[in-house]
Amino acid sequence: MKDTLKFKCHPKYWPLWLAFGIFRLLVLLPYGFQLFLGKWLGRALGFFGGKGKRTAMTNIALCFPEMSEQDRLRLLKRNFESMGMFAFEVAIACTILPAIPCEEKAPRITNETSGTNKPMR
């Protein structure tokens, strides 16, 4: 037990714990504001994207050769905005799901032939 606690409290994990704490606080904000912040985060990731941005632009160019360059850039921008909003949605899911009992997380599958409420195996 002590070794596990010592491992989790090691200073190299402090930035990760800080990020978890910040996301935990941001989840308390109204959903619309979270989406706004997510778009902003996505735009920042797109601006500083580097290799990932070049890869995404190449993929878009290969998948949609008929699109103009301006349309491709607009699609790339929207893609990065969606990634930022996704980060906030994951934070919401990670905050809410631990409070839900396991039985409510996954729907129970019933055996139609026997009419019983036992899980399928």
PDB file of N, CA and C in Angstrom:
ATOM      1  N   MET A   1       0.823  -1.188   0.000  1.00  0.00           N
ATOM      2  CA  MET A   1       0.000   0.000   0.000  1.00  0.00           C
ATOM      3  C   MET A   1       0.867   1.252   0.000  1.00  0.00           C
ATOM      4  N   LYS A   2       1.906   1.265   0.850  1.00  0.00           N
ATOM      5  CA  LYS A   2       2.773   2.433   0.925  1.00  0.00           C
ATOM      6  C   LYS A   2       3.508   2.649  -0.392  1.00  0.00           C
ATOM      7  N   ASP A   3       3.951   1.559  -1.022  1.00  0.00           N
ATOM      8  CA  ASP A   3       4.673   1.687  -2.283  1.00  0.00           C
ATOM      9  C   ASP A   3       3.790   2.281  -3.375  1.00  0.00           C
ATOM     10  N   THR A   4       2.525   1.887  -3.410  1.00  0.00           N
ATOM     11  CA  THR A   4       1.601   2.408  -4.413  1.00  0.00           C
ATOM     12  C   THR A   4       1.374   3.892  -4.194  1.00  0.00           C
ATOM     13  N   LEU A   5       1.175   4.309  -2.957  1.00  0.00           N
ATOM     14  CA  LEU A   5       0.960   5.716  -2.655  1.00  0.00           C
ATOM     15  C   LEU A   5       2.204   6.531  -2.981  1.00  0.00           C
ATOM     16  N   LYS A   6       3.372   5.993  -2.642  1.00  0.00           N
ATOM     17  CA  LYS A   6       4.627   6.675  -2.939  1.00  0.00           C
ATOM     18  C   LYS A   6       4.802   6.826  -4.450  1.00  0.00           C
ATOM     19  N   PHE A   7       4.406   5.809  -5.205  1.00  0.00           N
ATOM     20  CA  PHE A   7       4.509   5.850  -6.658  1.00  0.00           C
ATOM     21  C   PHE A   7       3.614   6.942  -7.240  1.00  0.00           C
ATOM     22  N   LYS A   8       2.376   7.058  -6.736  1.00  0.00           N
ATOM     23  CA  LYS A   8       1.423   8.028  -7.266  1.00  0.00           C
ATOM     24  C   LYS A   8       1.771   9.457  -6.874  1.00  0.00           C
ATOM     25  N   CYS A   9       2.505   9.635  -5.785  1.00  0.00           N
ATOM     26  CA  CYS A   9       2.845  10.970  -5.309  1.00  0.00           C
ATOM     27  C   CYS A   9       4.214  11.439  -5.785  1.00  0.00           C
ATOM     28  N   HIS A  10       4.868  10.660  -6.623  1.00  0.00           N
ATOM     29  CA  HIS A  10       6.188  11.029  -7.109  1.00  0.00           C
ATOM     30  C   HIS A  10       6.098  12.357  -7.878  1.00  0.00           C
ATOM     31  N   PRO A  11       7.068  13.248  -7.708  1.00  0.00           N
ATOM     32  CA  PRO A  11       7.001  14.567  -8.368  1.00  0.00           C
ATOM     33  C   PRO A  11       6.876  14.531  -9.886  1.00  0.00           C
ATOM     34  N   LYS A  12       7.318  13.471 -10.519  1.00  0.00           N
ATOM     35  CA  LYS A  12       7.194  13.435 -11.983  1.00  0.00           C
ATOM     36  C   LYS A  12       5.734  13.354 -12.431  1.00  0.00           C
ATOM     37  N   TYR A  13       4.818  12.964 -11.529  1.00  0.00           N
ATOM     38  CA  TYR A  13       3.392  12.897 -11.858  1.00  0.00           C
ATOM     39  C   TYR A  13       2.623  14.160 -11.476  1.00  0.00           C
ATOM     40  N   TRP A  14       3.269  15.129 -10.848  1.00  0.00           N
ATOM     41  CA  TRP A  14       2.580  16.332 -10.416  1.00  0.00           C
ATOM     42  C   TRP A  14       1.921  17.095 -11.567  1.00  0.00           C
ATOM     43  N   PRO A  15       2.572  17.250 -12.730  1.00  0.00           N
ATOM     44  CA  PRO A  15       1.874  17.946 -13.833  1.00  0.00           C
ATOM     45  C   PRO A  15       0.609  17.206 -14.274  1.00  0.00           C
ATOM     46  N   LEU A  16       0.647  15.890 -14.248  1.00  0.00           N
ATOM     47  CA  LEU A  16      -0.534  15.106 -14.612  1.00  0.00           C
ATOM     48  C   LEU A  16      -1.651  15.318 -13.594  1.00  0.00           C
ATOM     49  N   TRP A  17      -1.308  15.296 -12.307  1.00  0.00           N
ATOM     50  CA  TRP A  17      -2.312  15.533 -11.267  1.00  0.00           C
ATOM     51  C   TRP A  17      -2.858  16.951 -11.363  1.00  0.00           C
ATOM     52  N   LEU A  18      -2.001  17.906 -11.706  1.00  0.00           N
ATOM     53  CA  LEU A  18      -2.462  19.284 -11.884  1.00  0.00           C
ATOM     54  C   LEU A  18      -3.455  19.364 -13.043  1.00  0.00           C
ATOM     55  N   ALA A  19      -3.146  18.684 -14.142  1.00  0.00           N
ATOM     56  CA  ALA A  19      -4.060  18.671 -15.290  1.00  0.00           C
ATOM     57  C   ALA A  19      -5.395  18.026 -14.912  1.00  0.00           C
ATOM     58  N   PHE A  20      -5.348  16.906 -14.167  1.00  0.00           N
ATOM     59  CA  PHE A  20      -6.588  16.273 -13.706  1.00  0.00           C
ATOM     60  C   PHE A  20      -7.404  17.226 -12.838  1.00  0.00           C
ATOM     61  N   GLY A  21      -6.723  17.930 -11.950  1.00  0.00           N
ATOM     62  CA  GLY A  21      -7.409  18.871 -11.077  1.00  0.00           C
ATOM     63  C   GLY A  21      -8.052  20.008 -11.848  1.00  0.00           C
ATOM     64  N   ILE A  22      -7.340  20.527 -12.848  1.00  0.00           N
ATOM     65  CA  ILE A  22      -7.891  21.611 -13.667  1.00  0.00           C
ATOM     66  C   ILE A  22      -9.105  21.120 -14.438  1.00  0.00           C
ATOM     67  N   PHE A  23      -9.006  19.941 -15.055  1.00  0.00           N
ATOM     68  CA  PHE A  23     -10.157  19.399 -15.785  1.00  0.00           C
ATOM     69  C   PHE A  23     -11.328  19.139 -14.837  1.00  0.00           C
ATOM     70  N   ARG A  24     -11.026  18.703 -13.632  1.00  0.00           N
ATOM     71  CA  ARG A  24     -12.085  18.448 -12.650  1.00  0.00           C
ATOM     72  C   ARG A  24     -12.846  19.736 -12.324  1.00  0.00           C
ATOM     73  N   LEU A  25     -12.109  20.849 -12.238  1.00  0.00           N
ATOM     74  CA  LEU A  25     -12.747  22.141 -11.988  1.00  0.00           C
ATOM     75  C   LEU A  25     -13.495  22.658 -13.217  1.00  0.00           C
ATOM     76  N   LEU A  26     -12.916  22.452 -14.390  1.00  0.00           N
ATOM     77  CA  LEU A  26     -13.552  22.947 -15.617  1.00  0.00           C
ATOM     78  C   LEU A  26     -14.868  22.233 -15.907  1.00  0.00           C
ATOM     79  N   VAL A  27     -14.995  20.999 -15.432  1.00  0.00           N
ATOM     80  CA  VAL A  27     -16.235  20.246 -15.636  1.00  0.00           C
ATOM     81  C   VAL A  27     -17.401  20.912 -14.911  1.00  0.00           C
ATOM     82  N   LEU A  28     -17.108  21.686 -13.887  1.00  0.00           N
ATOM     83  CA  LEU A  28     -18.161  22.365 -13.130  1.00  0.00           C
ATOM     84  C   LEU A  28     -18.734  23.574 -13.873  1.00  0.00           C
ATOM     85  N   LEU A  29     -18.062  24.017 -14.928  1.00  0.00           N
ATOM     86  CA  LEU A  29     -18.549  25.158 -15.710  1.00  0.00           C
ATOM     87  C   LEU A  29     -19.762  24.754 -16.541  1.00  0.00           C
ATOM     88  N   PRO A  30     -20.563  25.725 -16.967  1.00  0.00           N
ATOM     89  CA  PRO A  30     -21.695  25.398 -17.846  1.00  0.00           C
ATOM     90  C   PRO A  30     -21.213  24.743 -19.149  1.00  0.00           C
ATOM     91  N   TYR A  31     -22.035  23.838 -19.670  1.00  0.00           N
ATOM     92  CA  TYR A  31     -21.636  23.038 -20.832  1.00  0.00           C
ATOM     93  C   TYR A  31     -21.299  23.911 -22.049  1.00  0.00           C
ATOM     94  N   GLY A  32     -22.086  24.947 -22.296  1.00  0.00           N
ATOM     95  CA  GLY A  32     -21.819  25.829 -23.436  1.00  0.00           C
ATOM     96  C   GLY A  32     -20.462  26.506 -23.332  1.00  0.00           C
ATOM     97  N   PHE A  33     -20.100  26.911 -22.123  1.00  0.00           N
ATOM     98  CA  PHE A  33     -18.801  27.535 -21.916  1.00  0.00           C
ATOM     99  C   PHE A  33     -17.685  26.503 -22.076  1.00  0.00           C
ATOM    100  N   GLN A  34     -17.947  25.268 -21.662  1.00  0.00           N
ATOM    101  CA  GLN A  34     -16.959  24.198 -21.858  1.00  0.00           C
ATOM    102  C   GLN A  34     -16.697  23.979 -23.347  1.00  0.00           C
ATOM    103  N   LEU A  35     -17.761  24.001 -24.144  1.00  0.00           N
ATOM    104  CA  LEU A  35     -17.577  23.821 -25.583  1.00  0.00           C
ATOM    105  C   LEU A  35     -16.787  24.982 -26.179  1.00  0.00           C
ATOM    106  N   PHE A  36     -17.059  26.190 -25.694  1.00  0.00           N
ATOM    107  CA  PHE A  36     -16.299  27.354 -26.152  1.00  0.00           C
ATOM    108  C   PHE A  36     -14.818  27.185 -25.829  1.00  0.00           C
ATOM    109  N   LEU A  37     -14.522  26.788 -24.588  1.00  0.00           N
ATOM    110  CA  LEU A  37     -13.129  26.554 -24.196  1.00  0.00           C
ATOM    111  C   LEU A  37     -12.510  25.406 -24.989  1.00  0.00           C
ATOM    112  N   GLY A  38     -13.312  24.384 -25.282  1.00  0.00           N
ATOM    113  CA  GLY A  38     -12.815  23.262 -26.071  1.00  0.00           C
ATOM    114  C   GLY A  38     -12.437  23.681 -27.481  1.00  0.00           C
ATOM    115  N   LYS A  39     -13.268  24.538 -28.084  1.00  0.00           N
ATOM    116  CA  LYS A  39     -12.928  25.051 -29.419  1.00  0.00           C
ATOM    117  C   LYS A  39     -11.634  25.857 -29.364  1.00  0.00           C
ATOM    118  N   TRP A  40     -11.503  26.667 -28.310  1.00  0.00           N
ATOM    119  CA  TRP A  40     -10.292  27.462 -28.159  1.00  0.00           C
ATOM    120  C   TRP A  40      -9.066  26.555 -27.998  1.00  0.00           C
ATOM    121  N   LEU A  41      -9.208  25.513 -27.180  1.00  0.00           N
ATOM    122  CA  LEU A  41      -8.121  24.562 -26.982  1.00  0.00           C
ATOM    123  C   LEU A  41      -7.761  23.876 -28.300  1.00  0.00           C
ATOM    124  N   GLY A  42      -8.789  23.487 -29.063  1.00  0.00           N
ATOM    125  CA  GLY A  42      -8.541  22.841 -30.352  1.00  0.00           C
ATOM    126  C   GLY A  42      -7.832  23.754 -31.334  1.00  0.00           C
ATOM    127  N   ARG A  43      -8.231  25.030 -31.360  1.00  0.00           N
ATOM    128  CA  ARG A  43      -7.550  25.981 -32.246  1.00  0.00           C
ATOM    129  C   ARG A  43      -6.087  26.146 -31.849  1.00  0.00           C
ATOM    130  N   ALA A  44      -5.831  26.170 -30.533  1.00  0.00           N
ATOM    131  CA  ALA A  44      -4.448  26.281 -30.067  1.00  0.00           C
ATOM    132  C   ALA A  44      -3.645  25.042 -30.464  1.00  0.00           C
ATOM    133  N   LEU A  45      -4.258  23.864 -30.332  1.00  0.00           N
ATOM    134  CA  LEU A  45      -3.578  22.638 -30.760  1.00  0.00           C
ATOM    135  C   LEU A  45      -3.306  22.659 -32.259  1.00  0.00           C
ATOM    136  N   GLY A  46      -4.259  23.176 -33.025  1.00  0.00           N
ATOM    137  CA  GLY A  46      -4.063  23.276 -34.472  1.00  0.00           C
ATOM    138  C   GLY A  46      -2.972  24.260 -34.842  1.00  0.00           C
ATOM    139  N   PHE A  47      -2.891  25.343 -34.087  1.00  0.00           N
ATOM    140  CA  PHE A  47      -1.875  26.358 -34.369  1.00  0.00           C
ATOM    141  C   PHE A  47      -0.479  25.833 -34.081  1.00  0.00           C
ATOM    142  N   PHE A  48      -0.356  25.091 -32.975  1.00  0.00           N
ATOM    143  CA  PHE A  48       0.942  24.548 -32.581  1.00  0.00           C
ATOM    144  C   PHE A  48       1.090  23.086 -32.983  1.00  0.00           C
ATOM    145  N   GLY A  49       0.249  22.622 -33.908  1.00  0.00           N
ATOM    146  CA  GLY A  49       0.169  21.210 -34.256  1.00  0.00           C
ATOM    147  C   GLY A  49       1.429  20.589 -34.799  1.00  0.00           C
ATOM    148  N   GLY A  50       2.181  21.292 -35.611  1.00  0.00           N
ATOM    149  CA  GLY A  50       3.410  20.745 -36.169  1.00  0.00           C
ATOM    150  C   GLY A  50       3.157  19.563 -37.089  1.00  0.00           C
ATOM    151  N   LYS A  51       3.771  18.426 -36.747  1.00  0.00           N
ATOM    152  CA  LYS A  51       3.683  17.234 -37.577  1.00  0.00           C
ATOM    153  C   LYS A  51       2.245  16.709 -37.683  1.00  0.00           C
ATOM    154  N   GLY A  52       1.504  16.740 -36.587  1.00  0.00           N
ATOM    155  CA  GLY A  52       0.117  16.275 -36.613  1.00  0.00           C
ATOM    156  C   GLY A  52      -0.745  17.105 -37.556  1.00  0.00           C
ATOM    157  N   LYS A  53      -0.516  18.399 -37.574  1.00  0.00           N
ATOM    158  CA  LYS A  53      -1.264  19.285 -38.465  1.00  0.00           C
ATOM    159  C   LYS A  53      -0.919  18.989 -39.920  1.00  0.00           C
ATOM    160  N   ARG A  54       0.362  18.792 -40.202  1.00  0.00           N
ATOM    161  CA  ARG A  54       0.776  18.459 -41.583  1.00  0.00           C
ATOM    162  C   ARG A  54       0.184  17.122 -42.014  1.00  0.00           C
ATOM    163  N   THR A  55       0.188  16.145 -41.121  1.00  0.00           N
ATOM    164  CA  THR A  55      -0.375  14.835 -41.444  1.00  0.00           C
ATOM    165  C   THR A  55      -1.864  14.941 -41.724  1.00  0.00           C
ATOM    166  N   ALA A  56      -2.586  15.686 -40.895  1.00  0.00           N
ATOM    167  CA  ALA A  56      -4.027  15.860 -41.102  1.00  0.00           C
ATOM    168  C   ALA A  56      -4.303  16.568 -42.425  1.00  0.00           C
ATOM    169  N   MET A  57      -3.508  17.582 -42.743  1.00  0.00           N
ATOM    170  CA  MET A  57      -3.714  18.309 -44.001  1.00  0.00           C
ATOM    171  C   MET A  57      -3.437  17.405 -45.207  1.00  0.00           C
ATOM    172  N   THR A  58      -2.412  16.581 -45.108  1.00  0.00           N
ATOM    173  CA  THR A  58      -2.112  15.636 -46.194  1.00  0.00           C
ATOM    174  C   THR A  58      -3.248  14.637 -46.363  1.00  0.00           C
ATOM    175  N   ASN A  59      -3.770  14.114 -45.251  1.00  0.00           N
ATOM    176  CA  ASN A  59      -4.872  13.155 -45.325  1.00  0.00           C
ATOM    177  C   ASN A  59      -6.118  13.786 -45.941  1.00  0.00           C
ATOM    178  N   ILE A  60      -6.418  15.006 -45.554  1.00  0.00           N
ATOM    179  CA  ILE A  60      -7.586  15.690 -46.117  1.00  0.00           C
ATOM    180  C   ILE A  60      -7.395  15.908 -47.613  1.00  0.00           C
ATOM    181  N   ALA A  61      -6.181  16.283 -48.020  1.00  0.00           N
ATOM    182  CA  ALA A  61      -5.910  16.498 -49.440  1.00  0.00           C
ATOM    183  C   ALA A  61      -6.055  15.199 -50.236  1.00  0.00           C
ATOM    184  N   LEU A  62      -5.637  14.085 -49.657  1.00  0.00           N
ATOM    185  CA  LEU A  62      -5.756  12.797 -50.347  1.00  0.00           C
ATOM    186  C   LEU A  62      -7.208  12.309 -50.403  1.00  0.00           C
ATOM    187  N   CYS A  63      -7.962  12.569 -49.329  1.00  0.00           N
ATOM    188  CA  CYS A  63      -9.346  12.102 -49.282  1.00  0.00           C
ATOM    189  C   CYS A  63     -10.298  12.976 -50.085  1.00  0.00           C
ATOM    190  N   PHE A  64     -10.014  14.253 -50.156  1.00  0.00           N
ATOM    191  CA  PHE A  64     -10.904  15.198 -50.843  1.00  0.00           C
ATOM    192  C   PHE A  64     -10.121  16.018 -51.865  1.00  0.00           C
ATOM    193  N   PRO A  65      -9.671  15.386 -52.953  1.00  0.00           N
ATOM    194  CA  PRO A  65      -8.873  16.129 -53.943  1.00  0.00           C
ATOM    195  C   PRO A  65      -9.676  17.213 -54.667  1.00  0.00           C
ATOM    196  N   GLU A  66     -11.014  17.085 -54.678  1.00  0.00           N
ATOM    197  CA  GLU A  66     -11.835  18.065 -55.388  1.00  0.00           C
ATOM    198  C   GLU A  66     -12.054  19.341 -54.586  1.00  0.00           C
ATOM    199  N   MET A  67     -11.725  19.332 -53.303  1.00  0.00           N
ATOM    200  CA  MET A  67     -11.914  20.514 -52.449  1.00  0.00           C
ATOM    201  C   MET A  67     -10.864  21.568 -52.740  1.00  0.00           C
ATOM    202  N   SER A  68     -11.270  22.812 -52.595  1.00  0.00           N
ATOM    203  CA  SER A  68     -10.301  23.900 -52.734  1.00  0.00           C
ATOM    204  C   SER A  68      -9.434  23.955 -51.474  1.00  0.00           C
ATOM    205  N   GLU A  69      -8.312  24.642 -51.577  1.00  0.00           N
ATOM    206  CA  GLU A  69      -7.392  24.755 -50.446  1.00  0.00           C
ATOM    207  C   GLU A  69      -8.066  25.458 -49.262  1.00  0.00           C
ATOM    208  N   GLN A  70      -8.891  26.446 -49.546  1.00  0.00           N
ATOM    209  CA  GLN A  70      -9.593  27.176 -48.487  1.00  0.00           C
ATOM    210  C   GLN A  70     -10.581  26.255 -47.756  1.00  0.00           C
ATOM    211  N   ASP A  71     -11.295  25.411 -48.515  1.00  0.00           N
ATOM    212  CA  ASP A  71     -12.225  24.466 -47.890  1.00  0.00           C
ATOM    213  C   ASP A  71     -11.484  23.432 -47.042  1.00  0.00           C
ATOM    214  N   ARG A  72     -10.317  23.001 -47.514  1.00  0.00           N
ATOM    215  CA  ARG A  72      -9.519  22.040 -46.740  1.00  0.00           C
ATOM    216  C   ARG A  72      -9.047  22.655 -45.427  1.00  0.00           C
ATOM    217  N   LEU A  73      -8.613  23.908 -45.470  1.00  0.00           N
ATOM    218  CA  LEU A  73      -8.170  24.581 -44.249  1.00  0.00           C
ATOM    219  C   LEU A  73      -9.331  24.771 -43.272  1.00  0.00           C
ATOM    220  N   ARG A  74     -10.520  25.066 -43.808  1.00  0.00           N
ATOM    221  CA  ARG A  74     -11.699  25.209 -42.959  1.00  0.00           C
ATOM    222  C   ARG A  74     -12.038  23.870 -42.291  1.00  0.00           C
ATOM    223  N   LEU A  75     -11.952  22.781 -43.062  1.00  0.00           N
ATOM    224  CA  LEU A  75     -12.216  21.456 -42.515  1.00  0.00           C
ATOM    225  C   LEU A  75     -11.179  21.089 -41.445  1.00  0.00           C
ATOM    226  N   LEU A  76      -9.920  21.426 -41.690  1.00  0.00           N
ATOM    227  CA  LEU A  76      -8.860  21.164 -40.722  1.00  0.00           C
ATOM    228  C   LEU A  76      -9.108  21.933 -39.427  1.00  0.00           C
ATOM    229  N   LYS A  77      -9.513  23.191 -39.550  1.00  0.00           N
ATOM    230  CA  LYS A  77      -9.807  24.007 -38.370  1.00  0.00           C
ATOM    231  C   LYS A  77     -10.958  23.398 -37.567  1.00  0.00           C
ATOM    232  N   ARG A  78     -12.015  22.990 -38.258  1.00  0.00           N
ATOM    233  CA  ARG A  78     -13.161  22.378 -37.573  1.00  0.00           C
ATOM    234  C   ARG A  78     -12.765  21.055 -36.912  1.00  0.00           C
ATOM    235  N   ASN A  79     -11.859  20.312 -37.557  1.00  0.00           N
ATOM    236  CA  ASN A  79     -11.379  19.055 -36.987  1.00  0.00           C
ATOM    237  C   ASN A  79     -10.670  19.301 -35.660  1.00  0.00           C
ATOM    238  N   PHE A  80      -9.791  20.288 -35.626  1.00  0.00           N
ATOM    239  CA  PHE A  80      -9.075  20.578 -34.388  1.00  0.00           C
ATOM    240  C   PHE A  80     -10.020  21.134 -33.324  1.00  0.00           C
ATOM    241  N   GLU A  81     -11.017  21.915 -33.716  1.00  0.00           N
ATOM    242  CA  GLU A  81     -12.009  22.395 -32.753  1.00  0.00           C
ATOM    243  C   GLU A  81     -12.757  21.214 -32.135  1.00  0.00           C
ATOM    244  N   SER A  82     -13.103  20.244 -32.969  1.00  0.00           N
ATOM    245  CA  SER A  82     -13.799  19.047 -32.464  1.00  0.00           C
ATOM    246  C   SER A  82     -12.923  18.265 -31.497  1.00  0.00           C
ATOM    247  N   MET A  83     -11.633  18.203 -31.767  1.00  0.00           N
ATOM    248  CA  MET A  83     -10.718  17.503 -30.856  1.00  0.00           C
ATOM    249  C   MET A  83     -10.680  18.187 -29.497  1.00  0.00           C
ATOM    250  N   GLY A  84     -10.675  19.509 -29.488  1.00  0.00           N
ATOM    251  CA  GLY A  84     -10.670  20.239 -28.223  1.00  0.00           C
ATOM    252  C   GLY A  84     -11.951  20.024 -27.440  1.00  0.00           C
ATOM    253  N   MET A  85     -13.099  20.042 -28.137  1.00  0.00           N
ATOM    254  CA  MET A  85     -14.374  19.795 -27.459  1.00  0.00           C
ATOM    255  C   MET A  85     -14.422  18.369 -26.936  1.00  0.00           C
ATOM    256  N   PHE A  86     -13.828  17.441 -27.679  1.00  0.00           N
ATOM    257  CA  PHE A  86     -13.779  16.044 -27.252  1.00  0.00           C
ATOM    258  C   PHE A  86     -13.028  15.903 -25.933  1.00  0.00           C
ATOM    259  N   ALA A  87     -11.950  16.668 -25.766  1.00  0.00           N
ATOM    260  CA  ALA A  87     -11.185  16.611 -24.519  1.00  0.00           C
ATOM    261  C   ALA A  87     -12.067  16.974 -23.329  1.00  0.00           C
ATOM    262  N   PHE A  88     -12.922  17.984 -23.493  1.00  0.00           N
ATOM    263  CA  PHE A  88     -13.819  18.367 -22.402  1.00  0.00           C
ATOM    264  C   PHE A  88     -14.896  17.311 -22.176  1.00  0.00           C
ATOM    265  N   GLU A  89     -15.377  16.698 -23.242  1.00  0.00           N
ATOM    266  CA  GLU A  89     -16.394  15.663 -23.089  1.00  0.00           C
ATOM    267  C   GLU A  89     -15.826  14.433 -22.391  1.00  0.00           C
ATOM    268  N   VAL A  90     -14.573  14.117 -22.661  1.00  0.00           N
ATOM    269  CA  VAL A  90     -13.922  13.012 -21.957  1.00  0.00           C
ATOM    270  C   VAL A  90     -13.778  13.347 -20.477  1.00  0.00           C
ATOM    271  N   ALA A  91     -13.436  14.595 -20.183  1.00  0.00           N
ATOM    272  CA  ALA A  91     -13.315  15.016 -18.781  1.00  0.00           C
ATOM    273  C   ALA A  91     -14.657  14.871 -18.067  1.00  0.00           C
ATOM    274  N   ILE A  92     -15.736  15.228 -18.755  1.00  0.00           N
ATOM    275  CA  ILE A  92     -17.070  15.071 -18.171  1.00  0.00           C
ATOM    276  C   ILE A  92     -17.348  13.594 -17.899  1.00  0.00           C
ATOM    277  N   ALA A  93     -17.059  12.755 -18.877  1.00  0.00           N
ATOM    278  CA  ALA A  93     -17.316  11.316 -18.729  1.00  0.00           C
ATOM    279  C   ALA A  93     -16.488  10.723 -17.593  1.00  0.00           C
ATOM    280  N   CYS A  94     -15.243  11.114 -17.483  1.00  0.00           N
ATOM    281  CA  CYS A  94     -14.390  10.577 -16.418  1.00  0.00           C
ATOM    282  C   CYS A  94     -14.814  11.068 -15.045  1.00  0.00           C
ATOM    283  N   THR A  95     -15.460  12.213 -14.990  1.00  0.00           N
ATOM    284  CA  THR A  95     -15.908  12.748 -13.714  1.00  0.00           C
ATOM    285  C   THR A  95     -17.219  12.120 -13.287  1.00  0.00           C
ATOM    286  N   ILE A  96     -18.114  11.885 -14.225  1.00  0.00           N
ATOM    287  CA  ILE A  96     -19.448  11.386 -13.899  1.00  0.00           C
ATOM    288  C   ILE A  96     -19.473   9.866 -13.751  1.00  0.00           C
ATOM    289  N   LEU A  97     -18.810   9.134 -14.618  1.00  0.00           N
ATOM    290  CA  LEU A  97     -18.926   7.680 -14.638  1.00  0.00           C
ATOM    291  C   LEU A  97     -18.506   6.976 -13.354  1.00  0.00           C
ATOM    292  N   PRO A  98     -17.460   7.413 -12.646  1.00  0.00           N
ATOM    293  CA  PRO A  98     -17.126   6.689 -11.415  1.00  0.00           C
ATOM    294  C   PRO A  98     -18.245   6.719 -10.376  1.00  0.00           C
ATOM    295  N   ALA A  99     -19.152   7.679 -10.438  1.00  0.00           N
ATOM    296  CA  ALA A  99     -20.230   7.774  -9.460  1.00  0.00           C
ATOM    297  C   ALA A  99     -21.411   6.874  -9.812  1.00  0.00           C
ATOM    298  N   ILE A 100     -21.450   6.349 -11.028  1.00  0.00           N
ATOM    299  CA  ILE A 100     -22.555   5.508 -11.462  1.00  0.00           C
ATOM    300  C   ILE A 100     -22.222   4.050 -11.144  1.00  0.00           C
ATOM    301  N   PRO A 101     -23.103   3.326 -10.475  1.00  0.00           N
ATOM    302  CA  PRO A 101     -22.825   1.905 -10.195  1.00  0.00           C
ATOM    303  C   PRO A 101     -22.613   1.106 -11.481  1.00  0.00           C
ATOM    304  N   CYS A 102     -21.842   0.049 -11.389  1.00  0.00           N
ATOM    305  CA  CYS A 102     -21.490  -0.750 -12.563  1.00  0.00           C
ATOM    306  C   CYS A 102     -22.710  -1.283 -13.305  1.00  0.00           C
ATOM    307  N   GLU A 103     -23.760  -1.618 -12.575  1.00  0.00           N
ATOM    308  CA  GLU A 103     -24.940  -2.179 -13.220  1.00  0.00           C
ATOM    309  C   GLU A 103     -25.602  -1.170 -14.154  1.00  0.00           C
ATOM    310  N   GLU A 104     -25.451   0.116 -13.864  1.00  0.00           N
ATOM    311  CA  GLU A 104     -26.089   1.139 -14.685  1.00  0.00           C
ATOM    312  C   GLU A 104     -25.221   1.571 -15.857  1.00  0.00           C
ATOM    313  N   LYS A 105     -23.934   1.269 -15.827  1.00  0.00           N
ATOM    314  CA  LYS A 105     -23.036   1.681 -16.904  1.00  0.00           C
ATOM    315  C   LYS A 105     -23.330   0.926 -18.189  1.00  0.00           C
ATOM    316  N   ALA A 106     -23.492  -0.375 -18.085  1.00  0.00           N
ATOM    317  CA  ALA A 106     -23.740  -1.196 -19.265  1.00  0.00           C
ATOM    318  C   ALA A 106     -25.150  -1.767 -19.191  1.00  0.00           C
ATOM    319  N   PRO A 107     -25.870  -1.679 -20.286  1.00  0.00           N
ATOM    320  CA  PRO A 107     -27.233  -2.238 -20.247  1.00  0.00           C
ATOM    321  C   PRO A 107     -27.190  -3.755 -20.083  1.00  0.00           C
ATOM    322  N   ARG A 108     -28.161  -4.266 -19.430  1.00  0.00           N
ATOM    323  CA  ARG A 108     -28.245  -5.709 -19.203  1.00  0.00           C
ATOM    324  C   ARG A 108     -28.861  -6.350 -20.436  1.00  0.00           C
ATOM    325  N   ILE A 109     -28.209  -7.365 -20.958  1.00  0.00           N
ATOM    326  CA  ILE A 109     -28.698  -8.073 -22.140  1.00  0.00           C
ATOM    327  C   ILE A 109     -29.484  -9.285 -21.663  1.00  0.00           C
ATOM    328  N   THR A 110     -30.698  -9.380 -22.120  1.00  0.00           N
ATOM    329  CA  THR A 110     -31.515 -10.517 -21.705  1.00  0.00           C
ATOM    330  C   THR A 110     -31.500 -11.599 -22.766  1.00  0.00           C
ATOM    331  N   ASN A 111     -31.736 -12.801 -22.304  1.00  0.00           N
ATOM    332  CA  ASN A 111     -31.811 -13.935 -23.205  1.00  0.00           C
ATOM    333  C   ASN A 111     -33.252 -14.028 -23.702  1.00  0.00           C
ATOM    334  N   GLU A 112     -33.457 -13.652 -24.949  1.00  0.00           N
ATOM    335  CA  GLU A 112     -34.806 -13.587 -25.526  1.00  0.00           C
ATOM    336  C   GLU A 112     -35.489 -14.951 -25.566  1.00  0.00           C
ATOM    337  N   THR A 113     -34.722 -16.008 -25.767  1.00  0.00           N
ATOM    338  CA  THR A 113     -35.347 -17.322 -25.944  1.00  0.00           C
ATOM    339  C   THR A 113     -35.881 -17.876 -24.627  1.00  0.00           C
ATOM    340  N   SER A 114     -35.160 -17.664 -23.523  1.00  0.00           N
ATOM    341  CA  SER A 114     -35.630 -18.234 -22.265  1.00  0.00           C
ATOM    342  C   SER A 114     -36.448 -17.254 -21.463  1.00  0.00           C
ATOM    343  N   GLY A 115     -36.392 -15.965 -21.798  1.00  0.00           N
ATOM    344  CA  GLY A 115     -37.148 -14.957 -21.083  1.00  0.00           C
ATOM    345  C   GLY A 115     -36.545 -14.610 -19.727  1.00  0.00           C
ATOM    346  N   THR A 116     -35.365 -15.106 -19.437  1.00  0.00           N
ATOM    347  CA  THR A 116     -34.740 -14.809 -18.160  1.00  0.00           C
ATOM    348  C   THR A 116     -33.941 -13.522 -18.272  1.00  0.00           C
ATOM    349  N   ASN A 117     -33.591 -12.962 -17.132  1.00  0.00           N
ATOM    350  CA  ASN A 117     -32.846 -11.723 -17.080  1.00  0.00           C
ATOM    351  C   ASN A 117     -31.389 -12.011 -16.724  1.00  0.00           C
ATOM    352  N   LYS A 118     -30.855 -13.113 -17.215  1.00  0.00           N
ATOM    353  CA  LYS A 118     -29.468 -13.471 -16.933  1.00  0.00           C
ATOM    354  C   LYS A 118     -28.579 -12.921 -18.052  1.00  0.00           C
ATOM    355  N   PRO A 119     -27.347 -12.545 -17.709  1.00  0.00           N
ATOM    356  CA  PRO A 119     -26.454 -12.051 -18.754  1.00  0.00           C
ATOM    357  C   PRO A 119     -26.126 -13.151 -19.767  1.00  0.00           C
ATOM    358  N   MET A 120     -25.946 -12.754 -21.012  1.00  0.00           N
ATOM    359  CA  MET A 120     -25.542 -13.695 -22.071  1.00  0.00           C
ATOM    360  C   MET A 120     -24.102 -14.062 -21.867  1.00  0.00           C
ATOM    361  N   ARG A 121     -23.740 -15.298 -22.094  1.00  0.00           N
ATOM    362  CA  ARG A 121     -22.339 -15.739 -21.989  1.00  0.00           C
ATOM    363  C   ARG A 121     -21.881 -16.333 -23.289  1.00  0.00           C
TER     364      ARG A 121
END
